[in-house]
Amino acid sequence: MRETEKSLAKDLHENIRYLGRVLGEAILNKGGQETFDTIENIRQTAVKFRRQNDQEAAVTLENTLKNLSPEQAVPIIRAGDTNDKLKLAILLTINGVAAGLRNTG
């Protein structure tokens, strides 16, 4: 990888981490601690599955998502209601996790 590519990759990584922090703060402020904890648990499990191809994490993730009650799911989605881009990010994340689970069969 050339220096320019390394620099761009580093900048992208930093931007993603920053946006993740902003999203986390918005979720915590809008949805509260329980909603934040639920989303963070889903996120960490998805990362473990993706990075390590951890099948136990895949099962945990699938069960967590399938077993969310409407009372739990609605605040997760509503956490982004104050900002359409945050809402889209949350929905895309949920859809991406579900698609990843479907593709691992």
PDB file of N, CA and C in Angstrom:
ATOM      1  N   MET A   1       0.854  -1.178   0.000  1.00  0.00           N
ATOM      2  CA  MET A   1       0.000   0.000   0.000  1.00  0.00           C
ATOM      3  C   MET A   1       0.897   1.237   0.000  1.00  0.00           C
ATOM      4  N   ARG A   2       0.587   2.156  -0.896  1.00  0.00           N
ATOM      5  CA  ARG A   2       1.366   3.392  -0.965  1.00  0.00           C
ATOM      6  C   ARG A   2       1.027   4.301   0.211  1.00  0.00           C
ATOM      7  N   GLU A   3       1.906   5.274   0.439  1.00  0.00           N
ATOM      8  CA  GLU A   3       1.717   6.205   1.561  1.00  0.00           C
ATOM      9  C   GLU A   3       0.401   6.952   1.455  1.00  0.00           C
ATOM     10  N   THR A   4       0.017   7.343   0.252  1.00  0.00           N
ATOM     11  CA  THR A   4      -1.246   8.056   0.075  1.00  0.00           C
ATOM     12  C   THR A   4      -2.420   7.169   0.474  1.00  0.00           C
ATOM     13  N   GLU A   5      -2.375   5.907   0.063  1.00  0.00           N
ATOM     14  CA  GLU A   5      -3.447   4.977   0.427  1.00  0.00           C
ATOM     15  C   GLU A   5      -3.478   4.741   1.927  1.00  0.00           C
ATOM     16  N   LYS A   6      -2.294   4.631   2.536  1.00  0.00           N
ATOM     17  CA  LYS A   6      -2.236   4.451   3.990  1.00  0.00           C
ATOM     18  C   LYS A   6      -2.832   5.657   4.708  1.00  0.00           C
ATOM     19  N   SER A   7      -2.514   6.835   4.212  1.00  0.00           N
ATOM     20  CA  SER A   7      -3.031   8.059   4.827  1.00  0.00           C
ATOM     21  C   SER A   7      -4.543   8.135   4.691  1.00  0.00           C
ATOM     22  N   LEU A   8      -5.051   7.802   3.494  1.00  0.00           N
ATOM     23  CA  LEU A   8      -6.497   7.809   3.287  1.00  0.00           C
ATOM     24  C   LEU A   8      -7.190   6.772   4.159  1.00  0.00           C
ATOM     25  N   ALA A   9      -6.594   5.591   4.277  1.00  0.00           N
ATOM     26  CA  ALA A   9      -7.177   4.542   5.112  1.00  0.00           C
ATOM     27  C   ALA A   9      -7.209   4.983   6.574  1.00  0.00           C
ATOM     28  N   LYS A  10      -6.145   5.630   7.026  1.00  0.00           N
ATOM     29  CA  LYS A  10      -6.096   6.121   8.405  1.00  0.00           C
ATOM     30  C   LYS A  10      -7.161   7.191   8.634  1.00  0.00           C
ATOM     31  N   ASP A  11      -7.279   8.122   7.679  1.00  0.00           N
ATOM     32  CA  ASP A  11      -8.301   9.172   7.789  1.00  0.00           C
ATOM     33  C   ASP A  11      -9.699   8.572   7.810  1.00  0.00           C
ATOM     34  N   LEU A  12      -9.944   7.603   6.945  1.00  0.00           N
ATOM     35  CA  LEU A  12     -11.252   6.956   6.894  1.00  0.00           C
ATOM     36  C   LEU A  12     -11.551   6.260   8.217  1.00  0.00           C
ATOM     37  N   HIS A  13     -10.565   5.549   8.748  1.00  0.00           N
ATOM     38  CA  HIS A  13     -10.738   4.858  10.024  1.00  0.00           C
ATOM     39  C   HIS A  13     -11.081   5.859  11.131  1.00  0.00           C
ATOM     40  N   GLU A  14     -10.378   6.971  11.178  1.00  0.00           N
ATOM     41  CA  GLU A  14     -10.640   7.985  12.196  1.00  0.00           C
ATOM     42  C   GLU A  14     -12.036   8.593  12.027  1.00  0.00           C
ATOM     43  N   ASN A  15     -12.431   8.833  10.785  1.00  0.00           N
ATOM     44  CA  ASN A  15     -13.765   9.386  10.527  1.00  0.00           C
ATOM     45  C   ASN A  15     -14.856   8.412  10.949  1.00  0.00           C
ATOM     46  N   ILE A  16     -14.669   7.135  10.658  1.00  0.00           N
ATOM     47  CA  ILE A  16     -15.652   6.126  11.043  1.00  0.00           C
ATOM     48  C   ILE A  16     -15.776   6.052  12.558  1.00  0.00           C
ATOM     49  N   ARG A  17     -14.656   6.082  13.252  1.00  0.00           N
ATOM     50  CA  ARG A  17     -14.685   6.048  14.717  1.00  0.00           C
ATOM     51  C   ARG A  17     -15.395   7.288  15.276  1.00  0.00           C
ATOM     52  N   TYR A  18     -15.117   8.445  14.682  1.00  0.00           N
ATOM     53  CA  TYR A  18     -15.769   9.679  15.117  1.00  0.00           C
ATOM     54  C   TYR A  18     -17.281   9.588  14.907  1.00  0.00           C
ATOM     55  N   LEU A  19     -17.700   9.159  13.717  1.00  0.00           N
ATOM     56  CA  LEU A  19     -19.124   9.037  13.438  1.00  0.00           C
ATOM     57  C   LEU A  19     -19.785   8.018  14.363  1.00  0.00           C
ATOM     58  N   GLY A  20     -19.072   6.960  14.700  1.00  0.00           N
ATOM     59  CA  GLY A  20     -19.587   5.975  15.642  1.00  0.00           C
ATOM     60  C   GLY A  20     -19.824   6.584  17.015  1.00  0.00           C
ATOM     61  N   ARG A  21     -18.882   7.419  17.455  1.00  0.00           N
ATOM     62  CA  ARG A  21     -19.053   8.097  18.757  1.00  0.00           C
ATOM     63  C   ARG A  21     -20.253   9.044  18.722  1.00  0.00           C
ATOM     64  N   VAL A  22     -20.374   9.806  17.636  1.00  0.00           N
ATOM     65  CA  VAL A  22     -21.495  10.742  17.507  1.00  0.00           C
ATOM     66  C   VAL A  22     -22.813   9.976  17.501  1.00  0.00           C
ATOM     67  N   LEU A  23     -22.867   8.884  16.742  1.00  0.00           N
ATOM     68  CA  LEU A  23     -24.073   8.069  16.691  1.00  0.00           C
ATOM     69  C   LEU A  23     -24.391   7.500  18.074  1.00  0.00           C
ATOM     70  N   GLY A  24     -23.370   7.014  18.771  1.00  0.00           N
ATOM     71  CA  GLY A  24     -23.570   6.478  20.113  1.00  0.00           C
ATOM     72  C   GLY A  24     -24.116   7.516  21.074  1.00  0.00           C
ATOM     73  N   GLU A  25     -23.569   8.725  21.020  1.00  0.00           N
ATOM     74  CA  GLU A  25     -24.054   9.802  21.877  1.00  0.00           C
ATOM     75  C   GLU A  25     -25.502  10.160  21.549  1.00  0.00           C
ATOM     76  N   ALA A  26     -25.824  10.193  20.261  1.00  0.00           N
ATOM     77  CA  ALA A  26     -27.196  10.520  19.857  1.00  0.00           C
ATOM     78  C   ALA A  26     -28.168   9.448  20.337  1.00  0.00           C
ATOM     79  N   ILE A  27     -27.772   8.198  20.210  1.00  0.00           N
ATOM     80  CA  ILE A  27     -28.629   7.093  20.663  1.00  0.00           C
ATOM     81  C   ILE A  27     -28.823   7.163  22.172  1.00  0.00           C
ATOM     82  N   LEU A  28     -27.738   7.390  22.900  1.00  0.00           N
ATOM     83  CA  LEU A  28     -27.827   7.480  24.359  1.00  0.00           C
ATOM     84  C   LEU A  28     -28.726   8.637  24.777  1.00  0.00           C
ATOM     85  N   ASN A  29     -28.563   9.792  24.138  1.00  0.00           N
ATOM     86  CA  ASN A  29     -29.374  10.968  24.484  1.00  0.00           C
ATOM     87  C   ASN A  29     -30.836  10.788  24.120  1.00  0.00           C
ATOM     88  N   LYS A  30     -31.102  10.184  22.997  1.00  0.00           N
ATOM     89  CA  LYS A  30     -32.486  10.050  22.523  1.00  0.00           C
ATOM     90  C   LYS A  30     -33.176   8.811  23.101  1.00  0.00           C
ATOM     91  N   GLY A  31     -32.454   7.682  23.121  1.00  0.00           N
ATOM     92  CA  GLY A  31     -33.092   6.424  23.495  1.00  0.00           C
ATOM     93  C   GLY A  31     -32.857   5.972  24.912  1.00  0.00           C
ATOM     94  N   GLY A  32     -31.862   6.540  25.561  1.00  0.00           N
ATOM     95  CA  GLY A  32     -31.559   6.141  26.930  1.00  0.00           C
ATOM     96  C   GLY A  32     -30.550   5.002  27.007  1.00  0.00           C
ATOM     97  N   GLN A  33     -30.168   4.691  28.231  1.00  0.00           N
ATOM     98  CA  GLN A  33     -29.116   3.705  28.484  1.00  0.00           C
ATOM     99  C   GLN A  33     -29.494   2.310  27.990  1.00  0.00           C
ATOM    100  N   GLU A  34     -30.739   1.873  28.226  1.00  0.00           N
ATOM    101  CA  GLU A  34     -31.133   0.520  27.833  1.00  0.00           C
ATOM    102  C   GLU A  34     -31.057   0.343  26.311  1.00  0.00           C
ATOM    103  N   THR A  35     -31.551   1.327  25.579  1.00  0.00           N
ATOM    104  CA  THR A  35     -31.487   1.262  24.117  1.00  0.00           C
ATOM    105  C   THR A  35     -30.043   1.273  23.648  1.00  0.00           C
ATOM    106  N   PHE A  36     -29.234   2.145  24.235  1.00  0.00           N
ATOM    107  CA  PHE A  36     -27.816   2.202  23.880  1.00  0.00           C
ATOM    108  C   PHE A  36     -27.142   0.857  24.140  1.00  0.00           C
ATOM    109  N   ASP A  37     -27.399   0.273  25.315  1.00  0.00           N
ATOM    110  CA  ASP A  37     -26.782  -1.006  25.665  1.00  0.00           C
ATOM    111  C   ASP A  37     -27.201  -2.116  24.702  1.00  0.00           C
ATOM    112  N   THR A  38     -28.468  -2.119  24.299  1.00  0.00           N
ATOM    113  CA  THR A  38     -28.952  -3.126  23.354  1.00  0.00           C
ATOM    114  C   THR A  38     -28.250  -2.986  22.014  1.00  0.00           C
ATOM    115  N   ILE A  39     -28.184  -1.755  21.510  1.00  0.00           N
ATOM    116  CA  ILE A  39     -27.515  -1.514  20.228  1.00  0.00           C
ATOM    117  C   ILE A  39     -26.033  -1.848  20.321  1.00  0.00           C
ATOM    118  N   GLU A  40     -25.397  -1.478  21.404  1.00  0.00           N
ATOM    119  CA  GLU A  40     -23.963  -1.752  21.568  1.00  0.00           C
ATOM    120  C   GLU A  40     -23.710  -3.253  21.634  1.00  0.00           C
ATOM    121  N   ASN A  41     -24.573  -3.990  22.299  1.00  0.00           N
ATOM    122  CA  ASN A  41     -24.444  -5.441  22.360  1.00  0.00           C
ATOM    123  C   ASN A  41     -24.566  -6.047  20.957  1.00  0.00           C
ATOM    124  N   ILE A  42     -25.551  -5.576  20.197  1.00  0.00           N
ATOM    125  CA  ILE A  42     -25.730  -6.058  18.821  1.00  0.00           C
ATOM    126  C   ILE A  42     -24.493  -5.717  17.992  1.00  0.00           C
ATOM    127  N   ARG A  43     -24.008  -4.502  18.127  1.00  0.00           N
ATOM    128  CA  ARG A  43     -22.838  -4.059  17.353  1.00  0.00           C
ATOM    129  C   ARG A  43     -21.604  -4.893  17.668  1.00  0.00           C
ATOM    130  N   GLN A  44     -21.321  -5.084  18.957  1.00  0.00           N
ATOM    131  CA  GLN A  44     -20.135  -5.841  19.351  1.00  0.00           C
ATOM    132  C   GLN A  44     -20.219  -7.298  18.907  1.00  0.00           C
ATOM    133  N   THR A  45     -21.399  -7.877  19.010  1.00  0.00           N
ATOM    134  CA  THR A  45     -21.571  -9.264  18.572  1.00  0.00           C
ATOM    135  C   THR A  45     -21.394  -9.368  17.060  1.00  0.00           C
ATOM    136  N   ALA A  46     -21.930  -8.404  16.315  1.00  0.00           N
ATOM    137  CA  ALA A  46     -21.780  -8.401  14.861  1.00  0.00           C
ATOM    138  C   ALA A  46     -20.318  -8.254  14.457  1.00  0.00           C
ATOM    139  N   VAL A  47     -19.587  -7.414  15.153  1.00  0.00           N
ATOM    140  CA  VAL A  47     -18.161  -7.230  14.861  1.00  0.00           C
ATOM    141  C   VAL A  47     -17.398  -8.529  15.131  1.00  0.00           C
ATOM    142  N   LYS A  48     -17.696  -9.175  16.247  1.00  0.00           N
ATOM    143  CA  LYS A  48     -17.028 -10.436  16.579  1.00  0.00           C
ATOM    144  C   LYS A  48     -17.301 -11.488  15.505  1.00  0.00           C
ATOM    145  N   PHE A  49     -18.552 -11.562  15.060  1.00  0.00           N
ATOM    146  CA  PHE A  49     -18.910 -12.514  14.011  1.00  0.00           C
ATOM    147  C   PHE A  49     -18.163 -12.193  12.717  1.00  0.00           C
ATOM    148  N   ARG A  50     -18.180 -10.924  12.323  1.00  0.00           N
ATOM    149  CA  ARG A  50     -17.571 -10.527  11.053  1.00  0.00           C
ATOM    150  C   ARG A  50     -16.059 -10.710  11.065  1.00  0.00           C
ATOM    151  N   ARG A  51     -15.407 -10.299  12.129  1.00  0.00           N
ATOM    152  CA  ARG A  51     -13.936 -10.351  12.169  1.00  0.00           C
ATOM    153  C   ARG A  51     -13.399 -11.759  12.376  1.00  0.00           C
ATOM    154  N   GLN A  52     -14.096 -12.557  13.163  1.00  0.00           N
ATOM    155  CA  GLN A  52     -13.578 -13.873  13.537  1.00  0.00           C
ATOM    156  C   GLN A  52     -14.366 -15.018  12.929  1.00  0.00           C
ATOM    157  N   ASN A  53     -15.392 -14.684  12.148  1.00  0.00           N
ATOM    158  CA  ASN A  53     -16.295 -15.702  11.611  1.00  0.00           C
ATOM    159  C   ASN A  53     -16.765 -16.625  12.737  1.00  0.00           C
ATOM    160  N   ASP A  54     -17.065 -16.021  13.877  1.00  0.00           N
ATOM    161  CA  ASP A  54     -17.458 -16.729  15.090  1.00  0.00           C
ATOM    162  C   ASP A  54     -18.917 -17.164  14.973  1.00  0.00           C
ATOM    163  N   GLN A  55     -19.136 -18.447  14.791  1.00  0.00           N
ATOM    164  CA  GLN A  55     -20.485 -18.960  14.590  1.00  0.00           C
ATOM    165  C   GLN A  55     -21.342 -18.837  15.850  1.00  0.00           C
ATOM    166  N   GLU A  56     -20.724 -18.908  17.009  1.00  0.00           N
ATOM    167  CA  GLU A  56     -21.469 -18.708  18.255  1.00  0.00           C
ATOM    168  C   GLU A  56     -22.000 -17.274  18.322  1.00  0.00           C
ATOM    169  N   ALA A  57     -21.178 -16.329  17.873  1.00  0.00           N
ATOM    170  CA  ALA A  57     -21.623 -14.937  17.830  1.00  0.00           C
ATOM    171  C   ALA A  57     -22.763 -14.778  16.832  1.00  0.00           C
ATOM    172  N   ALA A  58     -22.713 -15.510  15.718  1.00  0.00           N
ATOM    173  CA  ALA A  58     -23.785 -15.449  14.721  1.00  0.00           C
ATOM    174  C   ALA A  58     -25.098 -15.934  15.317  1.00  0.00           C
ATOM    175  N   VAL A  59     -25.045 -17.018  16.066  1.00  0.00           N
ATOM    176  CA  VAL A  59     -26.254 -17.553  16.698  1.00  0.00           C
ATOM    177  C   VAL A  59     -26.780 -16.565  17.739  1.00  0.00           C
ATOM    178  N   THR A  60     -25.880 -16.013  18.530  1.00  0.00           N
ATOM    179  CA  THR A  60     -26.269 -15.026  19.543  1.00  0.00           C
ATOM    180  C   THR A  60     -26.917 -13.818  18.888  1.00  0.00           C
ATOM    181  N   LEU A  61     -26.314 -13.351  17.808  1.00  0.00           N
ATOM    182  CA  LEU A  61     -26.830 -12.188  17.097  1.00  0.00           C
ATOM    183  C   LEU A  61     -28.213 -12.477  16.512  1.00  0.00           C
ATOM    184  N   GLU A  62     -28.336 -13.617  15.872  1.00  0.00           N
ATOM    185  CA  GLU A  62     -29.619 -13.989  15.285  1.00  0.00           C
ATOM    186  C   GLU A  62     -30.703 -14.079  16.365  1.00  0.00           C
ATOM    187  N   ASN A  63     -30.384 -14.714  17.480  1.00  0.00           N
ATOM    188  CA  ASN A  63     -31.354 -14.848  18.568  1.00  0.00           C
ATOM    189  C   ASN A  63     -31.713 -13.492  19.170  1.00  0.00           C
ATOM    190  N   THR A  64     -30.723 -12.642  19.330  1.00  0.00           N
ATOM    191  CA  THR A  64     -30.972 -11.310  19.886  1.00  0.00           C
ATOM    192  C   THR A  64     -31.926 -10.535  18.991  1.00  0.00           C
ATOM    193  N   LEU A  65     -31.654 -10.541  17.685  1.00  0.00           N
ATOM    194  CA  LEU A  65     -32.492  -9.789  16.759  1.00  0.00           C
ATOM    195  C   LEU A  65     -33.890 -10.386  16.644  1.00  0.00           C
ATOM    196  N   LYS A  66     -33.969 -11.706  16.597  1.00  0.00           N
ATOM    197  CA  LYS A  66     -35.277 -12.355  16.479  1.00  0.00           C
ATOM    198  C   LYS A  66     -36.126 -12.141  17.724  1.00  0.00           C
ATOM    199  N   ASN A  67     -35.484 -12.041  18.863  1.00  0.00           N
ATOM    200  CA  ASN A  67     -36.219 -11.966  20.125  1.00  0.00           C
ATOM    201  C   ASN A  67     -36.461 -10.548  20.631  1.00  0.00           C
ATOM    202  N   LEU A  68     -36.115  -9.545  19.834  1.00  0.00           N
ATOM    203  CA  LEU A  68     -36.438  -8.182  20.244  1.00  0.00           C
ATOM    204  C   LEU A  68     -37.948  -8.006  20.211  1.00  0.00           C
ATOM    205  N   SER A  69     -38.492  -7.566  21.303  1.00  0.00           N
ATOM    206  CA  SER A  69     -39.926  -7.275  21.336  1.00  0.00           C
ATOM    207  C   SER A  69     -40.161  -5.958  20.601  1.00  0.00           C
ATOM    208  N   PRO A  70     -41.398  -5.708  20.199  1.00  0.00           N
ATOM    209  CA  PRO A  70     -41.682  -4.396  19.597  1.00  0.00           C
ATOM    210  C   PRO A  70     -41.296  -3.250  20.535  1.00  0.00           C
ATOM    211  N   GLU A  71     -41.486  -3.465  21.824  1.00  0.00           N
ATOM    212  CA  GLU A  71     -41.134  -2.427  22.805  1.00  0.00           C
ATOM    213  C   GLU A  71     -39.627  -2.156  22.811  1.00  0.00           C
ATOM    214  N   GLN A  72     -38.818  -3.179  22.501  1.00  0.00           N
ATOM    215  CA  GLN A  72     -37.376  -2.989  22.438  1.00  0.00           C
ATOM    216  C   GLN A  72     -36.944  -2.471  21.069  1.00  0.00           C
ATOM    217  N   ALA A  73     -37.584  -2.953  20.013  1.00  0.00           N
ATOM    218  CA  ALA A  73     -37.176  -2.584  18.651  1.00  0.00           C
ATOM    219  C   ALA A  73     -37.521  -1.135  18.318  1.00  0.00           C
ATOM    220  N   VAL A  74     -38.688  -0.688  18.735  1.00  0.00           N
ATOM    221  CA  VAL A  74     -39.133   0.658  18.386  1.00  0.00           C
ATOM    222  C   VAL A  74     -38.170   1.732  18.892  1.00  0.00           C
ATOM    223  N   PRO A  75     -37.736   1.709  20.151  1.00  0.00           N
ATOM    224  CA  PRO A  75     -36.790   2.746  20.588  1.00  0.00           C
ATOM    225  C   PRO A  75     -35.453   2.688  19.850  1.00  0.00           C
ATOM    226  N   ILE A  76     -35.053   1.497  19.436  1.00  0.00           N
ATOM    227  CA  ILE A  76     -33.800   1.383  18.693  1.00  0.00           C
ATOM    228  C   ILE A  76     -33.921   2.143  17.372  1.00  0.00           C
ATOM    229  N   ILE A  77     -35.029   1.952  16.697  1.00  0.00           N
ATOM    230  CA  ILE A  77     -35.240   2.655  15.429  1.00  0.00           C
ATOM    231  C   ILE A  77     -35.492   4.136  15.665  1.00  0.00           C
ATOM    232  N   ARG A  78     -36.261   4.445  16.699  1.00  0.00           N
ATOM    233  CA  ARG A  78     -36.573   5.846  17.000  1.00  0.00           C
ATOM    234  C   ARG A  78     -35.371   6.629  17.496  1.00  0.00           C
ATOM    235  N   ALA A  79     -34.344   5.958  17.929  1.00  0.00           N
ATOM    236  CA  ALA A  79     -33.164   6.657  18.436  1.00  0.00           C
ATOM    237  C   ALA A  79     -32.602   7.608  17.389  1.00  0.00           C
ATOM    238  N   GLY A  80     -32.844   7.324  16.138  1.00  0.00           N
ATOM    239  CA  GLY A  80     -32.360   8.194  15.069  1.00  0.00           C
ATOM    240  C   GLY A  80     -33.396   9.148  14.524  1.00  0.00           C
ATOM    241  N   ASP A  81     -34.579   9.201  15.115  1.00  0.00           N
ATOM    242  CA  ASP A  81     -35.666  10.022  14.561  1.00  0.00           C
ATOM    243  C   ASP A  81     -35.340  11.506  14.447  1.00  0.00           C
ATOM    244  N   THR A  82     -34.490  12.019  15.310  1.00  0.00           N
ATOM    245  CA  THR A  82     -34.214  13.444  15.263  1.00  0.00           C
ATOM    246  C   THR A  82     -33.307  13.800  14.089  1.00  0.00           C
ATOM    247  N   ASN A  83     -32.715  12.814  13.470  1.00  0.00           N
ATOM    248  CA  ASN A  83     -31.819  13.061  12.352  1.00  0.00           C
ATOM    249  C   ASN A  83     -32.006  11.939  11.338  1.00  0.00           C
ATOM    250  N   ASP A  84     -32.453  12.285  10.155  1.00  0.00           N
ATOM    251  CA  ASP A  84     -32.723  11.268   9.138  1.00  0.00           C
ATOM    252  C   ASP A  84     -31.481  10.448   8.797  1.00  0.00           C
ATOM    253  N   LYS A  85     -30.313  11.069   8.825  1.00  0.00           N
ATOM    254  CA  LYS A  85     -29.091  10.325   8.505  1.00  0.00           C
ATOM    255  C   LYS A  85     -28.780   9.302   9.598  1.00  0.00           C
ATOM    256  N   LEU A  86     -29.022   9.649  10.855  1.00  0.00           N
ATOM    257  CA  LEU A  86     -28.816   8.692  11.937  1.00  0.00           C
ATOM    258  C   LEU A  86     -29.803   7.546  11.822  1.00  0.00           C
ATOM    259  N   LYS A  87     -31.051   7.872  11.509  1.00  0.00           N
ATOM    260  CA  LYS A  87     -32.068   6.840  11.345  1.00  0.00           C
ATOM    261  C   LYS A  87     -31.684   5.892  10.215  1.00  0.00           C
ATOM    262  N   LEU A  88     -31.237   6.453   9.104  1.00  0.00           N
ATOM    263  CA  LEU A  88     -30.819   5.635   7.971  1.00  0.00           C
ATOM    264  C   LEU A  88     -29.639   4.750   8.365  1.00  0.00           C
ATOM    265  N   ALA A  89     -28.689   5.302   9.113  1.00  0.00           N
ATOM    266  CA  ALA A  89     -27.526   4.516   9.539  1.00  0.00           C
ATOM    267  C   ALA A  89     -27.953   3.341  10.408  1.00  0.00           C
ATOM    268  N   ILE A  90     -28.880   3.574  11.313  1.00  0.00           N
ATOM    269  CA  ILE A  90     -29.364   2.495  12.181  1.00  0.00           C
ATOM    270  C   ILE A  90     -30.073   1.429  11.355  1.00  0.00           C
ATOM    271  N   LEU A  91     -30.958   1.858  10.462  1.00  0.00           N
ATOM    272  CA  LEU A  91     -31.685   0.894   9.634  1.00  0.00           C
ATOM    273  C   LEU A  91     -30.754   0.109   8.725  1.00  0.00           C
ATOM    274  N   LEU A  92     -29.771   0.786   8.144  1.00  0.00           N
ATOM    275  CA  LEU A  92     -28.812   0.090   7.285  1.00  0.00           C
ATOM    276  C   LEU A  92     -27.979  -0.904   8.080  1.00  0.00           C
ATOM    277  N   THR A  93     -27.639  -0.534   9.300  1.00  0.00           N
ATOM    278  CA  THR A  93     -26.874  -1.447  10.153  1.00  0.00           C
ATOM    279  C   THR A  93     -27.690  -2.692  10.458  1.00  0.00           C
ATOM    280  N   ILE A  94     -28.942  -2.517  10.856  1.00  0.00           N
ATOM    281  CA  ILE A  94     -29.802  -3.658  11.152  1.00  0.00           C
ATOM    282  C   ILE A  94     -29.980  -4.520   9.903  1.00  0.00           C
ATOM    283  N   ASN A  95     -30.238  -3.881   8.755  1.00  0.00           N
ATOM    284  CA  ASN A  95     -30.397  -4.634   7.509  1.00  0.00           C
ATOM    285  C   ASN A  95     -29.113  -5.349   7.117  1.00  0.00           C
ATOM    286  N   GLY A  96     -27.976  -4.693   7.317  1.00  0.00           N
ATOM    287  CA  GLY A  96     -26.696  -5.307   6.984  1.00  0.00           C
ATOM    288  C   GLY A  96     -26.403  -6.527   7.843  1.00  0.00           C
ATOM    289  N   VAL A  97     -26.697  -6.429   9.122  1.00  0.00           N
ATOM    290  CA  VAL A  97     -26.505  -7.573  10.025  1.00  0.00           C
ATOM    291  C   VAL A  97     -27.398  -8.722   9.595  1.00  0.00           C
ATOM    292  N   ALA A  98     -28.670  -8.422   9.310  1.00  0.00           N
ATOM    293  CA  ALA A  98     -29.598  -9.466   8.895  1.00  0.00           C
ATOM    294  C   ALA A  98     -29.155 -10.102   7.576  1.00  0.00           C
ATOM    295  N   ALA A  99     -28.701  -9.307   6.637  1.00  0.00           N
ATOM    296  CA  ALA A  99     -28.242  -9.843   5.347  1.00  0.00           C
ATOM    297  C   ALA A  99     -27.006 -10.709   5.542  1.00  0.00           C
ATOM    298  N   GLY A 100     -26.112 -10.285   6.407  1.00  0.00           N
ATOM    299  CA  GLY A 100     -24.915 -11.075   6.683  1.00  0.00           C
ATOM    300  C   GLY A 100     -25.270 -12.430   7.273  1.00  0.00           C
ATOM    301  N   LEU A 101     -26.254 -12.441   8.155  1.00  0.00           N
ATOM    302  CA  LEU A 101     -26.691 -13.715   8.740  1.00  0.00           C
ATOM    303  C   LEU A 101     -27.327 -14.610   7.685  1.00  0.00           C
ATOM    304  N   ARG A 102     -28.117 -14.022   6.808  1.00  0.00           N
ATOM    305  CA  ARG A 102     -28.744 -14.815   5.746  1.00  0.00           C
ATOM    306  C   ARG A 102     -27.690 -15.422   4.820  1.00  0.00           C
ATOM    307  N   ASN A 103     -26.643 -14.669   4.537  1.00  0.00           N
ATOM    308  CA  ASN A 103     -25.614 -15.113   3.588  1.00  0.00           C
ATOM    309  C   ASN A 103     -24.669 -16.155   4.177  1.00  0.00           C
ATOM    310  N   THR A 104     -24.700 -16.363   5.476  1.00  0.00           N
ATOM    311  CA  THR A 104     -23.806 -17.344   6.086  1.00  0.00           C
ATOM    312  C   THR A 104     -24.472 -18.687   6.255  1.00  0.00           C
ATOM    313  N   GLY A 105     -25.737 -18.751   5.933  1.00  0.00           N
ATOM    314  CA  GLY A 105     -26.540 -19.882   5.841  1.00  0.00           C
ATOM    315  C   GLY A 105     -26.663 -20.969   6.720  1.00  0.00           C
TER     316      GLY A 105
END
